[in-house]
């Protein structure tokens, strides 16, 4: 599982750098400044969670089962949260109306919150053992 988490974290980080550069340079003339800020929010959260997964992969303070749960919560959280934000920010460039699936943004946010909560609960549980 550690290898899978590390590869996914690396991919999420790589993609966030590419999307960040694209947002700063490629989208500048195509969407509003407000939409670019929205796009950048998606990029930031994706990078935060790439780094989060790197930490999760390397910590020995949580069980493999908890790592697996956190991994899936983060992957789906980033896809739903950041992915929908990318779509909403660039909605004017697409024939698909991303506003129709905008409801998945808070679901993705909830998954990310749950991932961090799982980490916290695992630390709290382990602190009682020590």
C-alpha atoms as a PDB file:
ATOM      1  CA  UNK A   1       0.000   0.000   0.000  1.00  0.00           C
ATOM      2  CA  UNK A   2       2.876   2.363   0.762  1.00  0.00           C
ATOM      3  CA  UNK A   3       4.134   2.195  -2.827  1.00  0.00           C
ATOM      4  CA  UNK A   4       0.636   2.912  -4.159  1.00  0.00           C
ATOM      5  CA  UNK A   5       0.251   5.906  -1.840  1.00  0.00           C
ATOM      6  CA  UNK A   6       3.682   7.290  -2.792  1.00  0.00           C
ATOM      7  CA  UNK A   7       3.027   6.940  -6.527  1.00  0.00           C
ATOM      8  CA  UNK A   8      -0.396   8.576  -6.194  1.00  0.00           C
ATOM      9  CA  UNK A   9       1.030  11.397  -4.065  1.00  0.00           C
ATOM     10  CA  UNK A  10       3.736  11.991  -6.679  1.00  0.00           C
ATOM     11  CA  UNK A  11       1.184  12.050  -9.492  1.00  0.00           C
ATOM     12  CA  UNK A  12      -1.118  14.422  -7.616  1.00  0.00           C
ATOM     13  CA  UNK A  13       1.824  16.729  -6.896  1.00  0.00           C
ATOM     14  CA  UNK A  14       3.065  16.608 -10.488  1.00  0.00           C
ATOM     15  CA  UNK A  15      -0.391  17.285 -11.899  1.00  0.00           C
ATOM     16  CA  UNK A  16      -0.947  20.175  -9.486  1.00  0.00           C
ATOM     17  CA  UNK A  17       2.291  21.828 -10.634  1.00  0.00           C
ATOM     18  CA  UNK A  18       1.286  21.416 -14.294  1.00  0.00           C
ATOM     19  CA  UNK A  19      -2.241  22.705 -13.636  1.00  0.00           C
ATOM     20  CA  UNK A  20      -0.914  25.591 -11.566  1.00  0.00           C
ATOM     21  CA  UNK A  21       1.357  26.682 -14.400  1.00  0.00           C
ATOM     22  CA  UNK A  22      -1.468  26.215 -16.908  1.00  0.00           C
ATOM     23  CA  UNK A  23      -3.798  28.280 -14.739  1.00  0.00           C
ATOM     24  CA  UNK A  24      -1.266  31.069 -14.283  1.00  0.00           C
ATOM     25  CA  UNK A  25      -0.213  31.259 -17.918  1.00  0.00           C
ATOM     26  CA  UNK A  26      -2.559  29.390 -20.243  1.00  0.00           C
ATOM     27  CA  UNK A  27      -5.868  30.478 -18.761  1.00  0.00           C
ATOM     28  CA  UNK A  28      -4.952  34.104 -18.081  1.00  0.00           C
ATOM     29  CA  UNK A  29      -6.568  35.451 -21.253  1.00  0.00           C
ATOM     30  CA  UNK A  30      -9.387  32.927 -21.383  1.00  0.00           C
ATOM     31  CA  UNK A  31     -11.178  33.225 -18.042  1.00  0.00           C
ATOM     32  CA  UNK A  32     -11.796  35.962 -15.494  1.00  0.00           C
ATOM     33  CA  UNK A  33      -9.437  36.779 -12.626  1.00  0.00           C
ATOM     34  CA  UNK A  34     -12.059  35.415 -10.211  1.00  0.00           C
ATOM     35  CA  UNK A  35     -12.208  32.132 -12.136  1.00  0.00           C
ATOM     36  CA  UNK A  36      -8.407  31.892 -12.053  1.00  0.00           C
ATOM     37  CA  UNK A  37      -8.499  32.327  -8.262  1.00  0.00           C
ATOM     38  CA  UNK A  38     -11.071  29.554  -8.076  1.00  0.00           C
ATOM     39  CA  UNK A  39      -8.885  27.336 -10.280  1.00  0.00           C
ATOM     40  CA  UNK A  40      -5.897  28.064  -8.015  1.00  0.00           C
ATOM     41  CA  UNK A  41      -7.929  26.928  -5.001  1.00  0.00           C
ATOM     42  CA  UNK A  42      -8.319  23.531  -6.633  1.00  0.00           C
ATOM     43  CA  UNK A  43      -4.580  23.408  -7.348  1.00  0.00           C
ATOM     44  CA  UNK A  44      -3.680  24.320  -3.748  1.00  0.00           C
ATOM     45  CA  UNK A  45      -5.929  21.687  -2.223  1.00  0.00           C
ATOM     46  CA  UNK A  46      -4.626  19.072  -4.619  1.00  0.00           C
ATOM     47  CA  UNK A  47      -1.025  19.884  -3.639  1.00  0.00           C
ATOM     48  CA  UNK A  48      -1.849  19.973   0.078  1.00  0.00           C
ATOM     49  CA  UNK A  49      -3.257  16.487  -0.208  1.00  0.00           C
ATOM     50  CA  UNK A  50      -0.359  15.186  -2.300  1.00  0.00           C
ATOM     51  CA  UNK A  51       1.905  16.242   0.582  1.00  0.00           C
ATOM     52  CA  UNK A  52      -0.560  14.776   3.075  1.00  0.00           C
ATOM     53  CA  UNK A  53      -0.353  11.403   1.313  1.00  0.00           C
ATOM     54  CA  UNK A  54       3.451  11.517   1.413  1.00  0.00           C
ATOM     55  CA  UNK A  55       3.207  11.918   5.176  1.00  0.00           C
ATOM     56  CA  UNK A  56       0.620   9.144   5.499  1.00  0.00           C
ATOM     57  CA  UNK A  57       2.795   6.754   3.494  1.00  0.00           C
ATOM     58  CA  UNK A  58       5.817   7.338   5.721  1.00  0.00           C
ATOM     59  CA  UNK A  59       4.258   7.437   9.176  1.00  0.00           C
ATOM     60  CA  UNK A  60       4.319   4.333  11.323  1.00  0.00           C
ATOM     61  CA  UNK A  61       1.807   5.804  13.752  1.00  0.00           C
ATOM     62  CA  UNK A  62      -1.239   4.587  11.866  1.00  0.00           C
ATOM     63  CA  UNK A  63      -2.334   1.128  10.789  1.00  0.00           C
ATOM     64  CA  UNK A  64      -2.302  -0.136   7.214  1.00  0.00           C
ATOM     65  CA  UNK A  65      -6.098  -0.287   7.293  1.00  0.00           C
ATOM     66  CA  UNK A  66      -6.289   3.386   8.276  1.00  0.00           C
ATOM     67  CA  UNK A  67      -3.730   4.290   5.601  1.00  0.00           C
ATOM     68  CA  UNK A  68      -5.879   2.547   3.003  1.00  0.00           C
ATOM     69  CA  UNK A  69      -9.029   4.361   4.121  1.00  0.00           C
ATOM     70  CA  UNK A  70      -7.235   7.724   4.151  1.00  0.00           C
ATOM     71  CA  UNK A  71      -5.790   6.990   0.709  1.00  0.00           C
ATOM     72  CA  UNK A  72      -9.198   6.381  -0.870  1.00  0.00           C
ATOM     73  CA  UNK A  73     -10.800   9.336   0.915  1.00  0.00           C
ATOM     74  CA  UNK A  74      -8.054  11.623  -0.383  1.00  0.00           C
ATOM     75  CA  UNK A  75      -8.118  10.273  -3.937  1.00  0.00           C
ATOM     76  CA  UNK A  76     -11.877  10.641  -4.262  1.00  0.00           C
ATOM     77  CA  UNK A  77     -11.828  13.877  -2.291  1.00  0.00           C
ATOM     78  CA  UNK A  78      -9.304  15.448  -4.657  1.00  0.00           C
ATOM     79  CA  UNK A  79     -11.127  14.172  -7.740  1.00  0.00           C
ATOM     80  CA  UNK A  80     -14.476  15.482  -6.518  1.00  0.00           C
ATOM     81  CA  UNK A  81     -13.267  18.679  -4.851  1.00  0.00           C
ATOM     82  CA  UNK A  82     -10.396  19.903  -7.012  1.00  0.00           C
ATOM     83  CA  UNK A  83     -11.707  18.264 -10.175  1.00  0.00           C
ATOM     84  CA  UNK A  84     -15.084  19.931  -9.921  1.00  0.00           C
ATOM     85  CA  UNK A  85     -13.435  23.264  -9.096  1.00  0.00           C
ATOM     86  CA  UNK A  86     -11.317  22.984 -12.261  1.00  0.00           C
ATOM     87  CA  UNK A  87     -14.471  22.326 -14.241  1.00  0.00           C
ATOM     88  CA  UNK A  88     -16.439  25.127 -12.618  1.00  0.00           C
ATOM     89  CA  UNK A  89     -13.601  27.640 -13.064  1.00  0.00           C
ATOM     90  CA  UNK A  90     -13.263  26.806 -16.761  1.00  0.00           C
ATOM     91  CA  UNK A  91     -16.986  26.280 -17.359  1.00  0.00           C
ATOM     92  CA  UNK A  92     -17.124  29.063 -19.950  1.00  0.00           C
ATOM     93  CA  UNK A  93     -14.595  27.148 -22.111  1.00  0.00           C
ATOM     94  CA  UNK A  94     -16.592  23.929 -22.223  1.00  0.00           C
ATOM     95  CA  UNK A  95     -19.739  22.717 -23.896  1.00  0.00           C
ATOM     96  CA  UNK A  96     -20.488  20.730 -20.729  1.00  0.00           C
ATOM     97  CA  UNK A  97     -22.108  22.754 -17.956  1.00  0.00           C
ATOM     98  CA  UNK A  98     -20.083  21.856 -14.855  1.00  0.00           C
ATOM     99  CA  UNK A  99     -22.610  23.703 -12.694  1.00  0.00           C
ATOM    100  CA  UNK A 100     -24.857  20.655 -13.059  1.00  0.00           C
ATOM    101  CA  UNK A 101     -22.342  18.565 -11.098  1.00  0.00           C
ATOM    102  CA  UNK A 102     -21.243  21.333  -8.737  1.00  0.00           C
ATOM    103  CA  UNK A 103     -22.875  19.454  -5.874  1.00  0.00           C
ATOM    104  CA  UNK A 104     -19.898  17.061  -5.810  1.00  0.00           C
ATOM    105  CA  UNK A 105     -17.535  19.833  -4.661  1.00  0.00           C
ATOM    106  CA  UNK A 106     -18.711  19.733  -1.028  1.00  0.00           C
ATOM    107  CA  UNK A 107     -18.813  15.922  -1.141  1.00  0.00           C
ATOM    108  CA  UNK A 108     -15.147  15.979  -2.117  1.00  0.00           C
ATOM    109  CA  UNK A 109     -14.475  18.446   0.684  1.00  0.00           C
ATOM    110  CA  UNK A 110     -16.214  16.126   3.114  1.00  0.00           C
ATOM    111  CA  UNK A 111     -14.020  13.216   1.984  1.00  0.00           C
ATOM    112  CA  UNK A 112     -10.910  15.338   2.616  1.00  0.00           C
ATOM    113  CA  UNK A 113     -12.188  16.329   6.059  1.00  0.00           C
ATOM    114  CA  UNK A 114     -12.881  12.670   6.830  1.00  0.00           C
ATOM    115  CA  UNK A 115      -9.340  11.726   5.767  1.00  0.00           C
ATOM    116  CA  UNK A 116      -7.834  14.246   8.190  1.00  0.00           C
ATOM    117  CA  UNK A 117     -10.298  13.107  10.868  1.00  0.00           C
ATOM    118  CA  UNK A 118      -9.180   9.504  10.403  1.00  0.00           C
ATOM    119  CA  UNK A 119      -5.578  10.608  10.928  1.00  0.00           C
ATOM    120  CA  UNK A 120      -6.506  12.537  14.069  1.00  0.00           C
ATOM    121  CA  UNK A 121      -8.535   9.659  15.495  1.00  0.00           C
ATOM    122  CA  UNK A 122      -5.690   7.262  14.810  1.00  0.00           C
ATOM    123  CA  UNK A 123      -3.226   9.540  16.636  1.00  0.00           C
ATOM    124  CA  UNK A 124      -5.631   9.948  19.558  1.00  0.00           C
ATOM    125  CA  UNK A 125      -6.166   6.202  19.740  1.00  0.00           C
ATOM    126  CA  UNK A 126      -2.405   5.564  19.679  1.00  0.00           C
ATOM    127  CA  UNK A 127      -1.702   8.190  22.337  1.00  0.00           C
ATOM    128  CA  UNK A 128      -3.881   6.222  24.768  1.00  0.00           C
ATOM    129  CA  UNK A 129      -1.744   3.135  24.168  1.00  0.00           C
ATOM    130  CA  UNK A 130       1.517   4.903  25.014  1.00  0.00           C
END
